[in-house]
Amino acid sequence: MANIISKHLGFKLIDWKIVEEQVKKSMGTEEEPYEGKVPLAKVEEAVLRLIEKDKRSGNKVQYIFDSFPLHPTAEDFYKFTSE
């Protein structure tokens, strides 16, 4: 997961495409990789797990999201990040 988040000047960048790729890999097997579309909810869960991991370790982190390519609108992305 270290390649999903990169640190820069005290911030962490969350790259949605990399998170989505990691989730997709976890949904398949070596013999049969997952070929379907990754559900947005699964990608959001993965992001929330990363954030929760920082919280549990006592790290106070500010996150920068590279974009919101999986969310249909900016409003949907805002709802996810403000809950």
PDB file of N, CA and C in Angstrom:
ATOM      1  N   MET A   1       0.809  -1.198   0.000  1.00  0.00           N
ATOM      2  CA  MET A   1       0.000   0.000   0.000  1.00  0.00           C
ATOM      3  C   MET A   1       0.858   1.270   0.000  1.00  0.00           C
ATOM      4  N   ALA A   2       2.127   1.155   0.233  1.00  0.00           N
ATOM      5  CA  ALA A   2       2.975   2.334   0.285  1.00  0.00           C
ATOM      6  C   ALA A   2       2.948   3.108  -1.023  1.00  0.00           C
ATOM      7  N   ASN A   3       2.731   2.434  -2.143  1.00  0.00           N
ATOM      8  CA  ASN A   3       2.705   3.153  -3.406  1.00  0.00           C
ATOM      9  C   ASN A   3       1.379   3.864  -3.648  1.00  0.00           C
ATOM     10  N   ILE A   4       0.392   3.631  -2.822  1.00  0.00           N
ATOM     11  CA  ILE A   4      -0.903   4.285  -2.974  1.00  0.00           C
ATOM     12  C   ILE A   4      -0.847   5.719  -2.457  1.00  0.00           C
ATOM     13  N   ILE A   5      -0.112   5.919  -1.414  1.00  0.00           N
ATOM     14  CA  ILE A   5      -0.043   7.232  -0.795  1.00  0.00           C
ATOM     15  C   ILE A   5       1.401   7.700  -0.820  1.00  0.00           C
ATOM     16  N   SER A   6       1.608   8.895  -1.261  1.00  0.00           N
ATOM     17  CA  SER A   6       2.955   9.437  -1.204  1.00  0.00           C
ATOM     18  C   SER A   6       2.947  10.655  -0.290  1.00  0.00           C
ATOM     19  N   LYS A   7       3.968  10.782   0.530  1.00  0.00           N
ATOM     20  CA  LYS A   7       4.069  11.906   1.456  1.00  0.00           C
ATOM     21  C   LYS A   7       4.768  13.057   0.748  1.00  0.00           C
ATOM     22  N   HIS A   8       4.284  14.257   1.010  1.00  0.00           N
ATOM     23  CA  HIS A   8       4.927  15.436   0.460  1.00  0.00           C
ATOM     24  C   HIS A   8       4.580  16.620   1.354  1.00  0.00           C
ATOM     25  N   LEU A   9       5.592  17.176   1.983  1.00  0.00           N
ATOM     26  CA  LEU A   9       5.423  18.361   2.830  1.00  0.00           C
ATOM     27  C   LEU A   9       4.358  18.176   3.908  1.00  0.00           C
ATOM     28  N   GLY A  10       4.301  17.012   4.505  1.00  0.00           N
ATOM     29  CA  GLY A  10       3.358  16.761   5.588  1.00  0.00           C
ATOM     30  C   GLY A  10       1.959  16.389   5.151  1.00  0.00           C
ATOM     31  N   PHE A  11       1.731  16.294   3.874  1.00  0.00           N
ATOM     32  CA  PHE A  11       0.441  15.897   3.341  1.00  0.00           C
ATOM     33  C   PHE A  11       0.581  14.509   2.733  1.00  0.00           C
ATOM     34  N   LYS A  12      -0.553  13.854   2.567  1.00  0.00           N
ATOM     35  CA  LYS A  12      -0.554  12.579   1.849  1.00  0.00           C
ATOM     36  C   LYS A  12      -1.459  12.717   0.637  1.00  0.00           C
ATOM     37  N   LEU A  13      -0.940  12.278  -0.480  1.00  0.00           N
ATOM     38  CA  LEU A  13      -1.701  12.290  -1.720  1.00  0.00           C
ATOM     39  C   LEU A  13      -2.342  10.927  -1.915  1.00  0.00           C
ATOM     40  N   ILE A  14      -3.651  10.923  -2.105  1.00  0.00           N
ATOM     41  CA  ILE A  14      -4.352   9.674  -2.382  1.00  0.00           C
ATOM     42  C   ILE A  14      -4.676   9.660  -3.871  1.00  0.00           C
ATOM     43  N   ASP A  15      -4.096   8.692  -4.550  1.00  0.00           N
ATOM     44  CA  ASP A  15      -4.281   8.529  -5.992  1.00  0.00           C
ATOM     45  C   ASP A  15      -5.371   7.487  -6.227  1.00  0.00           C
ATOM     46  N   TRP A  16      -6.543   7.932  -6.650  1.00  0.00           N
ATOM     47  CA  TRP A  16      -7.698   7.056  -6.822  1.00  0.00           C
ATOM     48  C   TRP A  16      -7.431   5.913  -7.780  1.00  0.00           C
ATOM     49  N   LYS A  17      -6.712   6.197  -8.854  1.00  0.00           N
ATOM     50  CA  LYS A  17      -6.451   5.151  -9.851  1.00  0.00           C
ATOM     51  C   LYS A  17      -5.611   4.020  -9.254  1.00  0.00           C
ATOM     52  N   ILE A  18      -4.616   4.373  -8.442  1.00  0.00           N
ATOM     53  CA  ILE A  18      -3.780   3.343  -7.819  1.00  0.00           C
ATOM     54  C   ILE A  18      -4.587   2.546  -6.801  1.00  0.00           C
ATOM     55  N   VAL A  19      -5.408   3.238  -6.020  1.00  0.00           N
ATOM     56  CA  VAL A  19      -6.261   2.535  -5.046  1.00  0.00           C
ATOM     57  C   VAL A  19      -7.188   1.580  -5.792  1.00  0.00           C
ATOM     58  N   GLU A  20      -7.780   2.055  -6.878  1.00  0.00           N
ATOM     59  CA  GLU A  20      -8.687   1.215  -7.663  1.00  0.00           C
ATOM     60  C   GLU A  20      -7.957  -0.014  -8.206  1.00  0.00           C
ATOM     61  N   GLU A  21      -6.738   0.163  -8.687  1.00  0.00           N
ATOM     62  CA  GLU A  21      -5.961  -0.967  -9.206  1.00  0.00           C
ATOM     63  C   GLU A  21      -5.677  -1.994  -8.110  1.00  0.00           C
ATOM     64  N   GLN A  22      -5.332  -1.516  -6.914  1.00  0.00           N
ATOM     65  CA  GLN A  22      -5.053  -2.424  -5.802  1.00  0.00           C
ATOM     66  C   GLN A  22      -6.309  -3.207  -5.412  1.00  0.00           C
ATOM     67  N   VAL A  23      -7.436  -2.519  -5.364  1.00  0.00           N
ATOM     68  CA  VAL A  23      -8.701  -3.191  -5.027  1.00  0.00           C
ATOM     69  C   VAL A  23      -9.027  -4.225  -6.099  1.00  0.00           C
ATOM     70  N   LYS A  24      -8.844  -3.867  -7.357  1.00  0.00           N
ATOM     71  CA  LYS A  24      -9.131  -4.792  -8.453  1.00  0.00           C
ATOM     72  C   LYS A  24      -8.271  -6.048  -8.339  1.00  0.00           C
ATOM     73  N   LYS A  25      -6.991  -5.875  -8.012  1.00  0.00           N
ATOM     74  CA  LYS A  25      -6.108  -7.032  -7.832  1.00  0.00           C
ATOM     75  C   LYS A  25      -6.613  -7.932  -6.710  1.00  0.00           C
ATOM     76  N   SER A  26      -7.098  -7.315  -5.638  1.00  0.00           N
ATOM     77  CA  SER A  26      -7.561  -8.108  -4.495  1.00  0.00           C
ATOM     78  C   SER A  26      -8.857  -8.857  -4.795  1.00  0.00           C
ATOM     79  N   MET A  27      -9.572  -8.451  -5.823  1.00  0.00           N
ATOM     80  CA  MET A  27     -10.843  -9.085  -6.161  1.00  0.00           C
ATOM     81  C   MET A  27     -10.663 -10.306  -7.070  1.00  0.00           C
ATOM     82  N   GLY A  28      -9.469 -10.484  -7.606  1.00  0.00           N
ATOM     83  CA  GLY A  28      -9.223 -11.608  -8.489  1.00  0.00           C
ATOM     84  C   GLY A  28      -8.222 -12.564  -7.880  1.00  0.00           C
ATOM     85  N   THR A  29      -7.768 -13.494  -8.691  1.00  0.00           N
ATOM     86  CA  THR A  29      -6.740 -14.437  -8.284  1.00  0.00           C
ATOM     87  C   THR A  29      -5.636 -14.408  -9.339  1.00  0.00           C
ATOM     88  N   GLU A  30      -4.523 -15.075  -9.053  1.00  0.00           N
ATOM     89  CA  GLU A  30      -3.454 -15.147 -10.047  1.00  0.00           C
ATOM     90  C   GLU A  30      -3.931 -15.873 -11.295  1.00  0.00           C
ATOM     91  N   GLU A  31      -4.698 -16.925 -11.094  1.00  0.00           N
ATOM     92  CA  GLU A  31      -5.196 -17.697 -12.226  1.00  0.00           C
ATOM     93  C   GLU A  31      -6.281 -16.966 -12.994  1.00  0.00           C
ATOM     94  N   GLU A  32      -7.073 -16.181 -12.278  1.00  0.00           N
ATOM     95  CA  GLU A  32      -8.197 -15.515 -12.914  1.00  0.00           C
ATOM     96  C   GLU A  32      -8.342 -14.090 -12.371  1.00  0.00           C
ATOM     97  N   PRO A  33      -7.633 -13.134 -12.985  1.00  0.00           N
ATOM     98  CA  PRO A  33      -7.736 -11.743 -12.532  1.00  0.00           C
ATOM     99  C   PRO A  33      -9.159 -11.211 -12.725  1.00  0.00           C
ATOM    100  N   TYR A  34      -9.554 -10.325 -11.845  1.00  0.00           N
ATOM    101  CA  TYR A  34     -10.876  -9.704 -11.944  1.00  0.00           C
ATOM    102  C   TYR A  34     -10.893  -8.790 -13.160  1.00  0.00           C
ATOM    103  N   GLU A  35     -11.902  -8.925 -13.995  1.00  0.00           N
ATOM    104  CA  GLU A  35     -11.968  -8.154 -15.235  1.00  0.00           C
ATOM    105  C   GLU A  35     -13.085  -7.113 -15.233  1.00  0.00           C
ATOM    106  N   GLY A  36     -13.940  -7.141 -14.240  1.00  0.00           N
ATOM    107  CA  GLY A  36     -15.073  -6.218 -14.221  1.00  0.00           C
ATOM    108  C   GLY A  36     -14.706  -4.843 -13.701  1.00  0.00           C
ATOM    109  N   LYS A  37     -15.713  -4.000 -13.633  1.00  0.00           N
ATOM    110  CA  LYS A  37     -15.541  -2.655 -13.092  1.00  0.00           C
ATOM    111  C   LYS A  37     -15.528  -2.750 -11.565  1.00  0.00           C
ATOM    112  N   VAL A  38     -14.588  -2.064 -10.948  1.00  0.00           N
ATOM    113  CA  VAL A  38     -14.486  -2.073  -9.490  1.00  0.00           C
ATOM    114  C   VAL A  38     -15.574  -1.166  -8.921  1.00  0.00           C
ATOM    115  N   PRO A  39     -16.393  -1.685  -8.010  1.00  0.00           N
ATOM    116  CA  PRO A  39     -17.442  -0.852  -7.420  1.00  0.00           C
ATOM    117  C   PRO A  39     -16.847   0.312  -6.621  1.00  0.00           C
ATOM    118  N   LEU A  40     -17.430   1.477  -6.787  1.00  0.00           N
ATOM    119  CA  LEU A  40     -16.974   2.675  -6.086  1.00  0.00           C
ATOM    120  C   LEU A  40     -16.932   2.445  -4.579  1.00  0.00           C
ATOM    121  N   ALA A  41     -17.920   1.750  -4.044  1.00  0.00           N
ATOM    122  CA  ALA A  41     -17.974   1.508  -2.596  1.00  0.00           C
ATOM    123  C   ALA A  41     -16.727   0.767  -2.107  1.00  0.00           C
ATOM    124  N   LYS A  42     -16.210  -0.161  -2.902  1.00  0.00           N
ATOM    125  CA  LYS A  42     -15.010  -0.905  -2.495  1.00  0.00           C
ATOM    126  C   LYS A  42     -13.776  -0.002  -2.486  1.00  0.00           C
ATOM    127  N   VAL A  43     -13.692   0.911  -3.438  1.00  0.00           N
ATOM    128  CA  VAL A  43     -12.564   1.843  -3.482  1.00  0.00           C
ATOM    129  C   VAL A  43     -12.661   2.812  -2.297  1.00  0.00           C
ATOM    130  N   GLU A  44     -13.860   3.298  -2.029  1.00  0.00           N
ATOM    131  CA  GLU A  44     -14.057   4.185  -0.883  1.00  0.00           C
ATOM    132  C   GLU A  44     -13.686   3.478   0.416  1.00  0.00           C
ATOM    133  N   GLU A  45     -14.065   2.220   0.563  1.00  0.00           N
ATOM    134  CA  GLU A  45     -13.713   1.448   1.761  1.00  0.00           C
ATOM    135  C   GLU A  45     -12.197   1.358   1.924  1.00  0.00           C
ATOM    136  N   ALA A  46     -11.496   1.139   0.820  1.00  0.00           N
ATOM    137  CA  ALA A  46     -10.030   1.047   0.875  1.00  0.00           C
ATOM    138  C   ALA A  46      -9.420   2.370   1.316  1.00  0.00           C
ATOM    139  N   VAL A  47      -9.945   3.475   0.814  1.00  0.00           N
ATOM    140  CA  VAL A  47      -9.449   4.793   1.206  1.00  0.00           C
ATOM    141  C   VAL A  47      -9.722   5.025   2.691  1.00  0.00           C
ATOM    142  N   LEU A  48     -10.918   4.677   3.137  1.00  0.00           N
ATOM    143  CA  LEU A  48     -11.263   4.868   4.548  1.00  0.00           C
ATOM    144  C   LEU A  48     -10.386   3.998   5.456  1.00  0.00           C
ATOM    145  N   ARG A  49     -10.019   2.801   5.001  1.00  0.00           N
ATOM    146  CA  ARG A  49      -9.106   1.948   5.786  1.00  0.00           C
ATOM    147  C   ARG A  49      -7.737   2.616   5.925  1.00  0.00           C
ATOM    148  N   LEU A  50      -7.258   3.239   4.862  1.00  0.00           N
ATOM    149  CA  LEU A  50      -5.971   3.942   4.921  1.00  0.00           C
ATOM    150  C   LEU A  50      -6.024   5.097   5.921  1.00  0.00           C
ATOM    151  N   ILE A  51      -7.113   5.840   5.884  1.00  0.00           N
ATOM    152  CA  ILE A  51      -7.281   6.967   6.801  1.00  0.00           C
ATOM    153  C   ILE A  51      -7.399   6.470   8.236  1.00  0.00           C
ATOM    154  N   GLU A  52      -8.164   5.413   8.435  1.00  0.00           N
ATOM    155  CA  GLU A  52      -8.341   4.845   9.776  1.00  0.00           C
ATOM    156  C   GLU A  52      -7.012   4.340  10.336  1.00  0.00           C
ATOM    157  N   LYS A  53      -6.191   3.774   9.485  1.00  0.00           N
ATOM    158  CA  LYS A  53      -4.869   3.306   9.915  1.00  0.00           C
ATOM    159  C   LYS A  53      -4.043   4.462  10.467  1.00  0.00           C
ATOM    160  N   ASP A  54      -4.076   5.607   9.812  1.00  0.00           N
ATOM    161  CA  ASP A  54      -3.365   6.788  10.318  1.00  0.00           C
ATOM    162  C   ASP A  54      -3.941   7.245  11.652  1.00  0.00           C
ATOM    163  N   LYS A  55      -5.260   7.240  11.763  1.00  0.00           N
ATOM    164  CA  LYS A  55      -5.902   7.653  13.015  1.00  0.00           C
ATOM    165  C   LYS A  55      -5.473   6.748  14.167  1.00  0.00           C
ATOM    166  N   ARG A  56      -5.510   5.423  13.939  1.00  0.00           N
ATOM    167  CA  ARG A  56      -5.140   4.481  14.993  1.00  0.00           C
ATOM    168  C   ARG A  56      -3.694   4.642  15.429  1.00  0.00           C
ATOM    169  N   SER A  57      -2.832   5.020  14.496  1.00  0.00           N
ATOM    170  CA  SER A  57      -1.416   5.177  14.840  1.00  0.00           C
ATOM    171  C   SER A  57      -1.131   6.536  15.462  1.00  0.00           C
ATOM    172  N   GLY A  58      -2.160   7.387  15.560  1.00  0.00           N
ATOM    173  CA  GLY A  58      -1.986   8.687  16.183  1.00  0.00           C
ATOM    174  C   GLY A  58      -1.474   9.763  15.237  1.00  0.00           C
ATOM    175  N   ASN A  59      -1.341   9.429  13.973  1.00  0.00           N
ATOM    176  CA  ASN A  59      -0.874  10.413  12.993  1.00  0.00           C
ATOM    177  C   ASN A  59      -2.003  11.372  12.638  1.00  0.00           C
ATOM    178  N   LYS A  60      -1.701  12.654  12.697  1.00  0.00           N
ATOM    179  CA  LYS A  60      -2.643  13.660  12.224  1.00  0.00           C
ATOM    180  C   LYS A  60      -2.188  14.036  10.826  1.00  0.00           C
ATOM    181  N   VAL A  61      -3.003  13.664   9.860  1.00  0.00           N
ATOM    182  CA  VAL A  61      -2.618  13.790   8.467  1.00  0.00           C
ATOM    183  C   VAL A  61      -3.649  14.615   7.712  1.00  0.00           C
ATOM    184  N   GLN A  62      -3.161  15.399   6.783  1.00  0.00           N
ATOM    185  CA  GLN A  62      -4.045  16.098   5.861  1.00  0.00           C
ATOM    186  C   GLN A  62      -3.910  15.399   4.520  1.00  0.00           C
ATOM    187  N   TYR A  63      -5.025  15.133   3.896  1.00  0.00           N
ATOM    188  CA  TYR A  63      -5.033  14.357   2.662  1.00  0.00           C
ATOM    189  C   TYR A  63      -5.331  15.247   1.469  1.00  0.00           C
ATOM    190  N   ILE A  64      -4.665  14.942   0.391  1.00  0.00           N
ATOM    191  CA  ILE A  64      -4.938  15.582  -0.884  1.00  0.00           C
ATOM    192  C   ILE A  64      -5.372  14.464  -1.827  1.00  0.00           C
ATOM    193  N   PHE A  65      -6.523  14.638  -2.433  1.00  0.00           N
ATOM    194  CA  PHE A  65      -7.011  13.664  -3.403  1.00  0.00           C
ATOM    195  C   PHE A  65      -6.652  14.182  -4.787  1.00  0.00           C
ATOM    196  N   ASP A  66      -6.055  13.321  -5.601  1.00  0.00           N
ATOM    197  CA  ASP A  66      -5.607  13.753  -6.924  1.00  0.00           C
ATOM    198  C   ASP A  66      -6.768  14.123  -7.842  1.00  0.00           C
ATOM    199  N   SER A  67      -7.924  13.559  -7.595  1.00  0.00           N
ATOM    200  CA  SER A  67      -9.105  13.819  -8.409  1.00  0.00           C
ATOM    201  C   SER A  67     -10.253  13.026  -7.795  1.00  0.00           C
ATOM    202  N   PHE A  68     -11.357  13.016  -8.478  1.00  0.00           N
ATOM    203  CA  PHE A  68     -12.468  12.170  -8.032  1.00  0.00           C
ATOM    204  C   PHE A  68     -13.036  11.429  -9.238  1.00  0.00           C
ATOM    205  N   PRO A  69     -12.190  10.675  -9.945  1.00  0.00           N
ATOM    206  CA  PRO A  69     -12.622  10.062 -11.205  1.00  0.00           C
ATOM    207  C   PRO A  69     -13.719   9.016 -11.071  1.00  0.00           C
ATOM    208  N   LEU A  70     -13.867   8.435  -9.917  1.00  0.00           N
ATOM    209  CA  LEU A  70     -14.857   7.379  -9.758  1.00  0.00           C
ATOM    210  C   LEU A  70     -16.212   7.918  -9.301  1.00  0.00           C
ATOM    211  N   HIS A  71     -16.225   9.149  -8.819  1.00  0.00           N
ATOM    212  CA  HIS A  71     -17.479   9.746  -8.362  1.00  0.00           C
ATOM    213  C   HIS A  71     -18.135  10.465  -9.542  1.00  0.00           C
ATOM    214  N   PRO A  72     -19.431  10.286  -9.701  1.00  0.00           N
ATOM    215  CA  PRO A  72     -20.109  10.896 -10.851  1.00  0.00           C
ATOM    216  C   PRO A  72     -20.040  12.424 -10.859  1.00  0.00           C
ATOM    217  N   THR A  73     -20.081  13.042  -9.667  1.00  0.00           N
ATOM    218  CA  THR A  73     -20.055  14.509  -9.591  1.00  0.00           C
ATOM    219  C   THR A  73     -19.161  14.954  -8.440  1.00  0.00           C
ATOM    220  N   ALA A  74     -18.796  16.217  -8.467  1.00  0.00           N
ATOM    221  CA  ALA A  74     -18.018  16.786  -7.372  1.00  0.00           C
ATOM    222  C   ALA A  74     -18.820  16.742  -6.075  1.00  0.00           C
ATOM    223  N   GLU A  75     -20.128  16.887  -6.180  1.00  0.00           N
ATOM    224  CA  GLU A  75     -20.996  16.826  -4.991  1.00  0.00           C
ATOM    225  C   GLU A  75     -20.932  15.441  -4.342  1.00  0.00           C
ATOM    226  N   ASP A  76     -20.910  14.390  -5.153  1.00  0.00           N
ATOM    227  CA  ASP A  76     -20.806  13.037  -4.615  1.00  0.00           C
ATOM    228  C   ASP A  76     -19.474  12.844  -3.893  1.00  0.00           C
ATOM    229  N   PHE A  77     -18.420  13.380  -4.474  1.00  0.00           N
ATOM    230  CA  PHE A  77     -17.108  13.297  -3.846  1.00  0.00           C
ATOM    231  C   PHE A  77     -17.092  14.063  -2.528  1.00  0.00           C
ATOM    232  N   TYR A  78     -17.703  15.238  -2.514  1.00  0.00           N
ATOM    233  CA  TYR A  78     -17.789  16.042  -1.298  1.00  0.00           C
ATOM    234  C   TYR A  78     -18.534  15.279  -0.198  1.00  0.00           C
ATOM    235  N   LYS A  79     -19.611  14.621  -0.546  1.00  0.00           N
ATOM    236  CA  LYS A  79     -20.370  13.838   0.438  1.00  0.00           C
ATOM    237  C   LYS A  79     -19.496  12.749   1.047  1.00  0.00           C
ATOM    238  N   PHE A  80     -18.705  12.080   0.194  1.00  0.00           N
ATOM    239  CA  PHE A  80     -17.813  11.023   0.687  1.00  0.00           C
ATOM    240  C   PHE A  80     -16.765  11.604   1.633  1.00  0.00           C
ATOM    241  N   THR A  81     -16.167  12.714   1.283  1.00  0.00           N
ATOM    242  CA  THR A  81     -15.062  13.245   2.092  1.00  0.00           C
ATOM    243  C   THR A  81     -15.527  13.988   3.331  1.00  0.00           C
ATOM    244  N   SER A  82     -16.800  14.338   3.411  1.00  0.00           N
ATOM    245  CA  SER A  82     -17.259  15.097   4.575  1.00  0.00           C
ATOM    246  C   SER A  82     -18.016  14.248   5.579  1.00  0.00           C
ATOM    247  N   GLU A  83     -18.130  12.959   5.357  1.00  0.00           N
ATOM    248  CA  GLU A  83     -18.843  12.099   6.307  1.00  0.00           C
ATOM    249  C   GLU A  83     -17.947  11.667   7.428  1.00  0.00           C
TER     250      GLU A  83
END
